[in-house]
N, C-alpha and C. Protein backbone atom coordinates (compact mmCIF):
# COMPACT_ATOMS: atom_id res chain seq x y z
N MET A 1 -36.75 131.60 105.35
CA MET A 1 -35.70 131.38 104.42
C MET A 1 -34.43 131.12 105.24
N PRO A 2 -33.77 129.97 104.94
CA PRO A 2 -32.55 129.65 105.73
C PRO A 2 -31.42 130.59 105.33
N ILE A 3 -30.53 130.89 106.25
CA ILE A 3 -29.33 131.69 106.00
C ILE A 3 -28.29 130.80 105.36
N ARG A 4 -27.67 131.30 104.23
CA ARG A 4 -26.65 130.53 103.62
C ARG A 4 -25.33 131.27 103.72
N LEU A 5 -24.32 130.58 104.03
CA LEU A 5 -22.96 131.17 104.18
C LEU A 5 -22.22 130.88 102.88
N GLU A 6 -21.20 131.65 102.58
CA GLU A 6 -20.42 131.47 101.36
C GLU A 6 -19.79 130.08 101.34
N GLU A 7 -19.45 129.53 102.45
CA GLU A 7 -18.75 128.25 102.49
C GLU A 7 -19.71 127.11 102.21
N ASP A 8 -20.99 127.32 102.34
CA ASP A 8 -21.93 126.22 102.14
C ASP A 8 -21.97 125.88 100.68
N PRO A 9 -21.95 124.58 100.37
CA PRO A 9 -21.99 124.23 98.95
C PRO A 9 -23.37 124.47 98.43
N ASP A 10 -23.39 124.70 97.11
CA ASP A 10 -24.72 124.93 96.41
C ASP A 10 -25.45 123.59 96.30
N ASP A 11 -26.72 123.64 96.39
CA ASP A 11 -27.52 122.50 96.15
C ASP A 11 -27.67 122.16 94.72
N GLU A 12 -27.52 123.21 93.90
CA GLU A 12 -27.71 123.06 92.48
C GLU A 12 -26.37 122.72 91.79
N PRO A 13 -26.35 121.81 90.77
CA PRO A 13 -25.08 121.55 90.10
C PRO A 13 -24.68 122.77 89.25
N ASP A 14 -23.39 122.95 89.02
CA ASP A 14 -22.82 124.01 88.28
C ASP A 14 -23.02 123.80 86.77
N GLU A 15 -23.01 122.55 86.34
CA GLU A 15 -23.10 122.24 84.92
C GLU A 15 -24.49 121.73 84.62
N PRO A 16 -25.06 122.10 83.45
CA PRO A 16 -26.35 121.61 83.12
C PRO A 16 -26.27 120.06 82.82
N GLU A 17 -27.34 119.36 83.03
CA GLU A 17 -27.34 117.91 82.82
C GLU A 17 -27.21 117.68 81.33
N GLN A 18 -26.49 116.61 80.95
CA GLN A 18 -26.34 116.22 79.60
C GLN A 18 -27.50 115.39 79.16
N PRO A 19 -28.00 115.51 77.97
CA PRO A 19 -29.06 114.63 77.50
C PRO A 19 -28.58 113.17 77.51
N GLU A 20 -29.53 112.27 77.59
CA GLU A 20 -29.19 110.81 77.67
C GLU A 20 -28.55 110.35 76.43
N ASP A 21 -28.76 110.92 75.26
CA ASP A 21 -28.26 110.41 74.03
C ASP A 21 -26.75 110.87 73.87
N GLY A 22 -26.22 111.69 74.78
CA GLY A 22 -24.77 112.05 74.74
C GLY A 22 -24.55 113.30 73.91
N ALA A 23 -25.58 113.86 73.28
CA ALA A 23 -25.40 115.09 72.48
C ALA A 23 -25.29 116.28 73.42
N ALA A 24 -24.48 117.21 72.98
CA ALA A 24 -24.32 118.45 73.76
C ALA A 24 -25.63 119.23 73.72
N PRO A 25 -25.93 119.93 74.79
CA PRO A 25 -27.16 120.73 74.71
C PRO A 25 -26.97 121.93 73.83
N ALA A 26 -27.98 122.36 73.09
CA ALA A 26 -27.91 123.49 72.22
C ALA A 26 -28.04 124.79 73.03
N THR A 27 -27.11 125.65 72.89
CA THR A 27 -27.11 126.94 73.55
C THR A 27 -26.89 128.02 72.58
N HIS A 28 -27.60 129.09 72.79
CA HIS A 28 -27.41 130.28 71.91
C HIS A 28 -26.70 131.38 72.77
N VAL A 29 -25.60 131.81 72.23
CA VAL A 29 -24.86 132.93 72.90
C VAL A 29 -25.06 134.17 72.12
N PRO A 30 -25.76 135.15 72.64
CA PRO A 30 -26.06 136.35 71.91
C PRO A 30 -24.79 137.24 71.80
N SER A 31 -24.74 138.00 70.77
CA SER A 31 -23.63 138.96 70.59
C SER A 31 -24.02 140.24 71.25
N VAL A 32 -23.25 140.68 72.27
CA VAL A 32 -23.58 141.87 73.00
C VAL A 32 -22.52 142.90 72.98
N GLY A 33 -21.56 142.72 72.06
CA GLY A 33 -20.44 143.68 72.02
C GLY A 33 -20.85 144.94 71.32
N MET A 34 -19.87 145.87 71.31
CA MET A 34 -20.08 147.16 70.60
C MET A 34 -20.16 146.93 69.07
N PRO A 35 -20.81 147.72 68.35
CA PRO A 35 -20.81 147.61 66.92
C PRO A 35 -19.44 147.64 66.37
N ASN A 36 -19.22 146.92 65.27
CA ASN A 36 -17.88 146.81 64.74
C ASN A 36 -17.55 148.12 64.04
N ARG A 37 -16.89 149.00 64.84
CA ARG A 37 -16.45 150.31 64.33
C ARG A 37 -14.96 150.47 64.60
N GLU A 38 -14.29 150.91 63.64
CA GLU A 38 -12.92 151.24 63.85
C GLU A 38 -12.68 152.77 63.69
N TRP A 39 -11.79 153.27 64.47
CA TRP A 39 -11.58 154.69 64.50
C TRP A 39 -10.21 155.01 64.06
N GLU A 40 -10.04 156.17 63.47
CA GLU A 40 -8.69 156.72 63.26
C GLU A 40 -8.61 157.97 64.15
N TYR A 41 -7.42 158.25 64.65
CA TYR A 41 -7.23 159.27 65.68
C TYR A 41 -6.32 160.33 65.14
N SER A 42 -6.47 161.52 65.70
CA SER A 42 -5.62 162.67 65.38
C SER A 42 -5.42 163.45 66.66
N THR A 43 -4.35 164.15 66.71
CA THR A 43 -4.12 165.01 67.89
C THR A 43 -3.79 166.44 67.46
N GLU A 44 -4.13 167.35 68.33
CA GLU A 44 -3.77 168.75 68.14
C GLU A 44 -3.26 169.28 69.52
N VAL A 45 -2.10 169.93 69.47
CA VAL A 45 -1.54 170.45 70.75
C VAL A 45 -1.76 171.92 70.81
N LEU A 46 -2.34 172.33 71.94
CA LEU A 46 -2.62 173.76 72.23
C LEU A 46 -2.08 174.09 73.62
N THR A 47 -1.70 175.40 73.74
CA THR A 47 -1.27 175.82 75.04
C THR A 47 -2.51 176.10 75.92
N VAL A 48 -2.34 176.17 77.19
CA VAL A 48 -3.43 176.49 78.10
C VAL A 48 -4.05 177.79 77.73
N ALA A 49 -3.23 178.82 77.38
CA ALA A 49 -3.73 180.11 76.99
C ALA A 49 -4.58 180.01 75.72
N GLN A 50 -4.21 179.17 74.77
CA GLN A 50 -5.03 179.02 73.55
C GLN A 50 -6.36 178.34 73.88
N VAL A 51 -6.40 177.41 74.84
CA VAL A 51 -7.63 176.72 75.19
C VAL A 51 -8.63 177.66 75.81
N VAL A 52 -8.10 178.62 76.65
CA VAL A 52 -9.03 179.53 77.43
C VAL A 52 -9.30 180.86 76.72
N ASP A 53 -8.62 181.10 75.60
CA ASP A 53 -8.80 182.45 75.00
C ASP A 53 -10.12 182.67 74.29
N GLY A 54 -10.88 181.55 74.11
CA GLY A 54 -12.26 181.61 73.55
C GLY A 54 -12.35 181.61 72.01
N THR A 55 -11.23 181.68 71.34
CA THR A 55 -11.30 181.58 69.86
C THR A 55 -10.53 180.47 69.22
N THR A 56 -9.31 180.23 69.74
CA THR A 56 -8.44 179.26 69.12
C THR A 56 -9.06 177.82 69.17
N LEU A 57 -9.54 177.45 70.34
CA LEU A 57 -10.15 176.14 70.46
C LEU A 57 -11.36 175.98 69.55
N VAL A 58 -12.18 176.99 69.44
CA VAL A 58 -13.36 176.95 68.60
C VAL A 58 -12.97 176.82 67.18
N LYS A 59 -11.95 177.53 66.73
CA LYS A 59 -11.52 177.42 65.34
C LYS A 59 -10.99 176.01 65.00
N VAL A 60 -10.16 175.50 65.94
CA VAL A 60 -9.58 174.14 65.71
C VAL A 60 -10.70 173.10 65.63
N LEU A 61 -11.72 173.21 66.55
CA LEU A 61 -12.79 172.19 66.52
C LEU A 61 -13.67 172.36 65.33
N GLN A 62 -13.89 173.60 64.84
CA GLN A 62 -14.73 173.76 63.61
C GLN A 62 -14.05 173.25 62.42
N THR A 63 -12.76 173.50 62.32
CA THR A 63 -11.96 172.98 61.20
C THR A 63 -11.94 171.44 61.18
N ALA A 64 -11.73 170.82 62.38
CA ALA A 64 -11.64 169.44 62.48
C ALA A 64 -13.07 168.84 62.24
N GLY A 65 -14.04 169.44 62.74
CA GLY A 65 -15.44 168.98 62.47
C GLY A 65 -15.85 168.95 61.08
N ALA A 66 -15.38 169.89 60.24
CA ALA A 66 -15.72 169.95 58.87
C ALA A 66 -15.17 168.69 58.12
N ASP A 67 -14.08 168.06 58.67
CA ASP A 67 -13.49 166.91 58.06
C ASP A 67 -14.02 165.61 58.66
N GLY A 68 -14.96 165.76 59.59
CA GLY A 68 -15.57 164.56 60.24
C GLY A 68 -14.96 164.18 61.54
N TRP A 69 -14.07 164.96 62.10
CA TRP A 69 -13.45 164.68 63.35
C TRP A 69 -14.34 165.13 64.52
N GLU A 70 -14.33 164.37 65.62
CA GLU A 70 -15.01 164.68 66.82
C GLU A 70 -14.02 164.66 67.99
N LEU A 71 -14.30 165.50 68.95
CA LEU A 71 -13.42 165.59 70.12
C LEU A 71 -13.65 164.40 71.05
N ALA A 72 -12.61 163.55 71.27
CA ALA A 72 -12.74 162.32 72.07
C ALA A 72 -12.27 162.55 73.46
N ASP A 73 -11.18 163.34 73.62
CA ASP A 73 -10.58 163.57 74.96
C ASP A 73 -9.67 164.76 74.93
N VAL A 74 -9.44 165.35 76.09
CA VAL A 74 -8.46 166.36 76.26
C VAL A 74 -7.46 165.88 77.30
N VAL A 75 -6.18 165.76 76.95
CA VAL A 75 -5.16 165.21 77.77
C VAL A 75 -4.26 166.31 78.31
N ASP A 76 -4.11 166.32 79.64
CA ASP A 76 -3.29 167.31 80.32
C ASP A 76 -1.82 166.98 80.09
N GLY A 77 -1.15 167.95 79.54
CA GLY A 77 0.27 167.83 79.27
C GLY A 77 1.10 168.90 79.98
N GLY A 78 0.68 169.26 81.16
CA GLY A 78 1.44 170.31 81.87
C GLY A 78 1.03 171.72 81.42
N GLU A 79 1.96 172.40 80.75
CA GLU A 79 1.61 173.73 80.10
C GLU A 79 0.84 173.61 78.85
N LYS A 80 0.63 172.43 78.30
CA LYS A 80 -0.05 172.27 77.05
C LYS A 80 -1.19 171.30 77.25
N ARG A 81 -2.16 171.30 76.32
CA ARG A 81 -3.28 170.37 76.30
C ARG A 81 -3.28 169.69 74.97
N VAL A 82 -3.45 168.38 74.99
CA VAL A 82 -3.52 167.61 73.72
C VAL A 82 -4.96 167.23 73.47
N LEU A 83 -5.52 167.71 72.34
CA LEU A 83 -6.88 167.40 71.95
C LEU A 83 -6.81 166.03 71.15
N LEU A 84 -7.47 165.05 71.68
CA LEU A 84 -7.56 163.76 70.96
C LEU A 84 -8.91 163.70 70.19
N MET A 85 -8.75 163.62 68.88
CA MET A 85 -9.88 163.65 68.02
C MET A 85 -10.04 162.27 67.32
N ARG A 86 -11.24 161.87 66.93
CA ARG A 86 -11.41 160.64 66.26
C ARG A 86 -12.49 160.76 65.22
N ARG A 87 -12.47 159.88 64.28
CA ARG A 87 -13.53 159.72 63.28
C ARG A 87 -13.58 158.28 62.82
N SER A 88 -14.68 157.87 62.20
CA SER A 88 -14.80 156.55 61.72
C SER A 88 -13.81 156.37 60.57
N LYS A 89 -13.19 155.17 60.55
CA LYS A 89 -12.31 154.91 59.45
C LYS A 89 -13.05 154.89 58.11
N ARG A 90 -12.50 155.47 57.16
CA ARG A 90 -13.16 155.54 55.84
C ARG A 90 -12.74 154.31 55.10
N SER A 91 -13.65 153.78 54.31
CA SER A 91 -13.36 152.58 53.53
C SER A 91 -12.44 153.01 52.39
N SER A 92 -11.76 152.03 51.85
CA SER A 92 -10.78 152.33 50.79
C SER A 92 -11.53 152.83 49.53
N ARG A 93 -12.77 152.45 49.39
CA ARG A 93 -13.58 152.83 48.22
C ARG A 93 -14.14 154.23 48.34
N GLU A 94 -14.21 154.73 49.57
CA GLU A 94 -14.75 156.07 49.76
C GLU A 94 -13.81 157.11 49.20
N SER A 95 -14.29 158.02 48.41
CA SER A 95 -13.41 159.00 47.83
C SER A 95 -12.97 160.06 48.86
N ARG A 96 -11.77 160.49 48.72
CA ARG A 96 -11.26 161.52 49.66
C ARG A 96 -11.46 162.89 49.02
N ARG A 97 -11.79 163.83 49.92
CA ARG A 97 -12.03 165.21 49.44
C ARG A 97 -10.67 165.93 49.43
N VAL A 98 -10.09 165.91 48.29
CA VAL A 98 -8.76 166.54 48.13
C VAL A 98 -8.78 167.39 46.88
N GLY A 99 -8.27 168.55 46.90
CA GLY A 99 -8.13 169.36 45.71
C GLY A 99 -9.46 169.90 45.17
N PHE A 100 -9.62 170.06 43.88
CA PHE A 100 -10.76 170.64 43.28
C PHE A 100 -11.79 169.61 42.97
N ALA A 101 -13.05 170.07 42.83
CA ALA A 101 -14.16 169.20 42.40
C ALA A 101 -13.96 168.81 40.95
N PRO A 102 -14.43 167.65 40.57
CA PRO A 102 -14.31 167.24 39.20
C PRO A 102 -15.23 168.05 38.33
N PRO A 103 -14.90 168.24 37.01
CA PRO A 103 -15.76 169.05 36.15
C PRO A 103 -17.18 168.35 36.04
N THR A 104 -18.17 169.24 35.90
CA THR A 104 -19.54 168.72 35.83
C THR A 104 -19.95 168.26 34.45
N HIS A 105 -19.29 168.67 33.40
CA HIS A 105 -19.61 168.22 32.05
C HIS A 105 -18.34 167.72 31.33
N ASN A 106 -18.56 166.67 30.46
CA ASN A 106 -17.44 166.17 29.67
C ASN A 106 -17.78 166.12 28.19
């Protein structure tokens, strides 16, 4: 196998050959991106002592988890820590859980 240097030109053309009728070649470009998800974010600020005391962080995460929030990151803020939480954006048609449940009979 001959040794090729970076400066050597390629023997192969960079562009595919065009069909003789002048039409562009048909190419399929697959979609490889992330699923179309949008997030909403929330933050909670705790002191370092609250993070390491063993109860405060657990309570905050349990409360947030009940509303669909998940912990995305913890940002160092010196003497405090910022909990960055996220959840999928809710559609405008999705009902919000606020207040009392509707009556079961009418």
